[in-house]
């Protein structure tokens, strides 16, 4: 039995920054915002001042994300999120 897979790779780069009010304590949600300011109520925010918003993502990527439930129900599906951070020695 021959098995073939069709897959799409979307590449979208944007930059976002840290903020003194970032808590990142929400148990199930991560958010990256284009906003420059943040209050402690935003406990899911992991970065601010993003150079891109959802409207800037490729149309194909948004289509895949909107169908994510169906995609993730496929046991062969693999979703990769790559995050790079620069440690400037302040920790």
N, C-alpha and C. Protein backbone atom coordinates (compact mmCIF):
# COMPACT_ATOMS: atom_id res chain seq x y z
N UNK A 1 0.85 -1.18 0.00
CA UNK A 1 0.00 0.00 0.00
C UNK A 1 0.88 1.23 0.00
N UNK A 2 0.65 2.09 -0.94
CA UNK A 2 1.44 3.31 -1.06
C UNK A 2 0.76 4.44 -0.30
N UNK A 3 1.55 5.15 0.48
CA UNK A 3 1.02 6.28 1.26
C UNK A 3 1.72 7.54 0.79
N UNK A 4 0.96 8.54 0.46
CA UNK A 4 1.57 9.81 0.08
C UNK A 4 0.96 10.93 0.92
N UNK A 5 1.78 11.90 1.19
CA UNK A 5 1.34 13.03 2.00
C UNK A 5 1.58 14.32 1.24
N UNK A 6 0.64 15.20 1.34
CA UNK A 6 0.80 16.54 0.79
C UNK A 6 0.89 17.47 1.98
N UNK A 7 1.88 18.34 1.97
CA UNK A 7 1.99 19.28 3.08
C UNK A 7 2.45 20.64 2.57
N UNK A 8 2.14 21.63 3.34
CA UNK A 8 2.52 22.99 3.02
C UNK A 8 3.40 23.50 4.14
N UNK A 9 4.38 24.29 3.78
CA UNK A 9 5.25 24.92 4.76
C UNK A 9 5.06 26.42 4.61
N UNK A 10 4.71 27.07 5.69
CA UNK A 10 4.55 28.51 5.69
C UNK A 10 5.65 29.11 6.54
N UNK A 11 6.22 30.16 6.06
CA UNK A 11 7.32 30.80 6.77
C UNK A 11 6.94 32.26 6.97
N UNK A 12 6.86 32.66 8.20
CA UNK A 12 6.51 34.04 8.53
C UNK A 12 7.40 34.49 9.68
N UNK A 13 8.17 35.53 9.46
CA UNK A 13 9.07 36.04 10.49
C UNK A 13 8.54 37.38 10.99
N UNK A 14 8.51 37.52 12.30
CA UNK A 14 8.20 38.82 12.89
C UNK A 14 9.01 38.94 14.16
N UNK A 15 9.14 40.15 14.62
CA UNK A 15 9.91 40.42 15.82
C UNK A 15 9.00 41.01 16.88
N UNK A 16 9.21 40.60 18.12
CA UNK A 16 8.46 41.12 19.26
C UNK A 16 9.43 41.24 20.43
N UNK A 17 9.03 41.95 21.46
CA UNK A 17 9.96 42.31 22.52
C UNK A 17 9.40 42.02 23.90
N UNK A 18 10.29 41.97 24.86
CA UNK A 18 9.91 41.79 26.25
C UNK A 18 9.36 43.08 26.84
N UNK A 19 8.83 42.97 28.06
CA UNK A 19 8.25 44.12 28.76
C UNK A 19 8.28 43.79 30.26
N UNK A 20 8.55 44.76 31.12
CA UNK A 20 8.62 44.49 32.56
C UNK A 20 7.35 43.91 33.17
N UNK A 21 6.18 44.14 32.54
CA UNK A 21 4.91 43.66 33.09
C UNK A 21 4.54 42.26 32.60
N UNK A 22 5.36 41.62 31.78
CA UNK A 22 5.03 40.29 31.28
C UNK A 22 5.06 39.29 32.43
N UNK A 23 3.95 38.55 32.56
CA UNK A 23 3.83 37.52 33.60
C UNK A 23 3.92 36.12 32.99
N UNK A 24 3.27 35.93 31.84
CA UNK A 24 3.24 34.64 31.15
C UNK A 24 2.82 33.52 32.11
N UNK A 25 1.74 33.76 32.85
CA UNK A 25 1.28 32.78 33.84
C UNK A 25 -0.03 32.09 33.46
N UNK A 26 -0.62 32.47 32.34
CA UNK A 26 -1.88 31.84 31.94
C UNK A 26 -1.63 30.37 31.63
N UNK A 27 -2.47 29.48 32.13
CA UNK A 27 -2.19 28.05 31.99
C UNK A 27 -2.37 27.48 30.58
N UNK A 28 -3.13 28.16 29.71
CA UNK A 28 -3.43 27.54 28.41
C UNK A 28 -3.23 28.46 27.20
N UNK A 29 -2.90 29.72 27.41
CA UNK A 29 -2.87 30.66 26.29
C UNK A 29 -1.57 31.45 26.26
N UNK A 30 -1.04 31.63 25.05
CA UNK A 30 0.10 32.52 24.82
C UNK A 30 -0.34 33.59 23.83
N UNK A 31 0.03 34.83 24.08
CA UNK A 31 -0.33 35.91 23.17
C UNK A 31 0.89 36.77 22.89
N UNK A 32 1.04 37.14 21.63
CA UNK A 32 2.03 38.12 21.21
C UNK A 32 1.23 39.27 20.65
N UNK A 33 1.46 40.48 21.14
CA UNK A 33 0.64 41.62 20.78
C UNK A 33 1.45 42.70 20.07
N UNK A 34 0.78 43.47 19.24
CA UNK A 34 1.42 44.62 18.60
C UNK A 34 1.43 45.83 19.52
N UNK A 35 0.70 45.76 20.62
CA UNK A 35 0.64 46.86 21.57
C UNK A 35 2.01 47.10 22.20
N UNK A 36 2.29 48.35 22.49
CA UNK A 36 3.56 48.70 23.13
C UNK A 36 3.47 48.67 24.65
N UNK A 37 2.25 48.75 25.17
CA UNK A 37 2.05 48.78 26.62
C UNK A 37 1.33 47.52 27.09
N UNK A 38 1.48 47.23 28.36
CA UNK A 38 0.91 46.02 28.93
C UNK A 38 0.63 46.25 30.40
N UNK A 39 -0.50 45.71 30.87
CA UNK A 39 -0.80 45.74 32.30
C UNK A 39 -0.63 44.33 32.85
N UNK A 40 -0.66 44.17 34.14
CA UNK A 40 -0.52 42.85 34.75
C UNK A 40 -1.75 41.97 34.51
N UNK A 41 -2.83 42.54 33.99
CA UNK A 41 -4.01 41.73 33.66
C UNK A 41 -3.75 40.85 32.44
N UNK A 42 -2.78 41.21 31.61
CA UNK A 42 -2.46 40.45 30.41
C UNK A 42 -1.56 39.27 30.74
N UNK A 43 -2.05 38.33 31.53
CA UNK A 43 -1.20 37.24 32.02
C UNK A 43 -0.84 36.20 30.96
N UNK A 44 -1.43 36.30 29.76
CA UNK A 44 -1.09 35.36 28.70
C UNK A 44 -0.07 35.94 27.72
N UNK A 45 0.23 37.22 27.85
CA UNK A 45 1.14 37.89 26.92
C UNK A 45 2.58 37.46 27.18
N UNK A 46 3.26 37.07 26.10
CA UNK A 46 4.66 36.67 26.20
C UNK A 46 5.59 37.63 25.46
N UNK A 47 5.03 38.56 24.67
CA UNK A 47 5.85 39.55 23.98
C UNK A 47 4.97 40.70 23.50
N UNK A 48 5.55 41.88 23.39
CA UNK A 48 4.85 43.08 22.95
C UNK A 48 5.57 43.68 21.73
N UNK A 49 5.00 44.72 21.18
CA UNK A 49 5.56 45.46 20.04
C UNK A 49 5.87 44.55 18.86
N UNK A 50 4.98 43.60 18.59
CA UNK A 50 5.19 42.70 17.46
C UNK A 50 5.17 43.49 16.16
N UNK A 51 6.06 43.13 15.28
CA UNK A 51 6.12 43.81 13.98
C UNK A 51 5.03 43.32 13.03
N UNK A 52 4.30 42.27 13.41
CA UNK A 52 3.22 41.73 12.57
C UNK A 52 2.00 41.43 13.42
N UNK A 53 0.87 41.55 12.79
CA UNK A 53 -0.40 41.16 13.40
C UNK A 53 -0.97 40.02 12.57
N UNK A 54 -2.07 39.44 13.01
CA UNK A 54 -2.68 38.35 12.27
C UNK A 54 -2.97 38.76 10.82
N UNK A 55 -3.37 40.00 10.62
CA UNK A 55 -3.69 40.46 9.26
C UNK A 55 -2.48 40.41 8.34
N UNK A 56 -1.27 40.37 8.91
CA UNK A 56 -0.05 40.35 8.11
C UNK A 56 0.42 38.95 7.75
N UNK A 57 -0.19 37.92 8.35
CA UNK A 57 0.22 36.55 8.06
C UNK A 57 -0.22 36.15 6.66
N UNK A 58 0.51 35.23 6.02
CA UNK A 58 0.11 34.76 4.69
C UNK A 58 -1.30 34.16 4.72
N UNK A 59 -2.06 34.40 3.66
CA UNK A 59 -3.44 33.93 3.58
C UNK A 59 -3.51 32.41 3.76
N UNK A 60 -2.60 31.68 3.16
CA UNK A 60 -2.60 30.22 3.29
C UNK A 60 -2.40 29.78 4.73
N UNK A 61 -1.53 30.46 5.45
CA UNK A 61 -1.29 30.14 6.85
C UNK A 61 -2.54 30.41 7.68
N UNK A 62 -3.20 31.53 7.43
CA UNK A 62 -4.43 31.83 8.16
C UNK A 62 -5.51 30.79 7.88
N UNK A 63 -5.56 30.31 6.65
CA UNK A 63 -6.53 29.26 6.31
C UNK A 63 -6.24 27.99 7.10
N UNK A 64 -4.97 27.60 7.17
CA UNK A 64 -4.61 26.42 7.94
C UNK A 64 -4.92 26.62 9.42
N UNK A 65 -4.58 27.78 9.96
CA UNK A 65 -4.84 28.04 11.38
C UNK A 65 -6.33 28.02 11.70
N UNK A 66 -7.15 28.52 10.78
CA UNK A 66 -8.59 28.53 11.04
C UNK A 66 -9.18 27.12 11.00
N UNK A 67 -8.48 26.20 10.36
CA UNK A 67 -8.91 24.80 10.31
C UNK A 67 -8.09 23.94 11.27
N UNK A 68 -7.46 24.55 12.25
CA UNK A 68 -6.53 23.85 13.12
C UNK A 68 -7.16 22.66 13.84
N UNK A 69 -8.41 22.75 14.24
CA UNK A 69 -9.04 21.64 14.96
C UNK A 69 -9.06 20.41 14.07
N UNK A 70 -9.49 20.57 12.85
CA UNK A 70 -9.53 19.45 11.91
C UNK A 70 -8.12 18.92 11.66
N UNK A 71 -7.18 19.82 11.50
CA UNK A 71 -5.79 19.43 11.26
C UNK A 71 -5.23 18.65 12.44
N UNK A 72 -5.47 19.12 13.65
CA UNK A 72 -4.90 18.46 14.82
C UNK A 72 -5.61 17.16 15.18
N UNK A 73 -6.76 16.90 14.59
CA UNK A 73 -7.42 15.61 14.79
C UNK A 73 -6.75 14.52 13.97
N UNK A 74 -5.91 14.90 13.03
CA UNK A 74 -5.15 13.93 12.24
C UNK A 74 -3.94 13.49 13.05
N UNK A 75 -3.83 12.21 13.42
CA UNK A 75 -2.72 11.78 14.26
C UNK A 75 -1.35 11.91 13.60
N UNK A 76 -1.32 12.15 12.29
CA UNK A 76 -0.03 12.33 11.62
C UNK A 76 0.36 13.80 11.50
N UNK A 77 -0.53 14.69 11.95
CA UNK A 77 -0.26 16.12 11.84
C UNK A 77 0.87 16.54 12.78
N UNK A 78 1.69 17.45 12.32
CA UNK A 78 2.77 17.98 13.14
C UNK A 78 2.78 19.49 12.98
N UNK A 79 2.70 20.19 14.07
CA UNK A 79 2.75 21.64 14.07
C UNK A 79 4.03 22.05 14.78
N UNK A 80 4.81 22.91 14.15
CA UNK A 80 6.06 23.37 14.73
C UNK A 80 6.02 24.88 14.87
N UNK A 81 6.31 25.36 16.06
CA UNK A 81 6.46 26.78 16.31
C UNK A 81 7.89 26.98 16.76
N UNK A 82 8.61 27.82 16.05
CA UNK A 82 10.01 28.05 16.39
C UNK A 82 10.15 29.43 17.00
N UNK A 83 10.77 29.47 18.16
CA UNK A 83 10.97 30.74 18.85
C UNK A 83 12.45 30.88 19.15
N UNK A 84 13.00 32.00 18.76
CA UNK A 84 14.39 32.30 19.07
C UNK A 84 14.44 33.50 19.98
N UNK A 85 15.31 33.46 20.93
CA UNK A 85 15.46 34.58 21.85
C UNK A 85 16.94 34.90 21.99
N UNK A 86 17.23 36.15 22.18
CA UNK A 86 18.61 36.58 22.35
C UNK A 86 18.81 36.94 23.81
N UNK A 87 19.75 36.27 24.46
CA UNK A 87 20.08 36.55 25.85
C UNK A 87 21.18 37.59 25.86
N UNK A 88 20.88 38.75 26.35
CA UNK A 88 21.86 39.82 26.38
C UNK A 88 22.58 39.87 27.72
N UNK A 89 22.56 38.77 28.45
CA UNK A 89 23.31 38.68 29.68
C UNK A 89 22.70 39.42 30.86
N UNK A 90 21.41 39.73 30.77
CA UNK A 90 20.77 40.47 31.86
C UNK A 90 20.11 39.56 32.87
N UNK A 91 20.09 38.27 32.65
CA UNK A 91 19.42 37.36 33.58
C UNK A 91 20.30 37.02 34.74
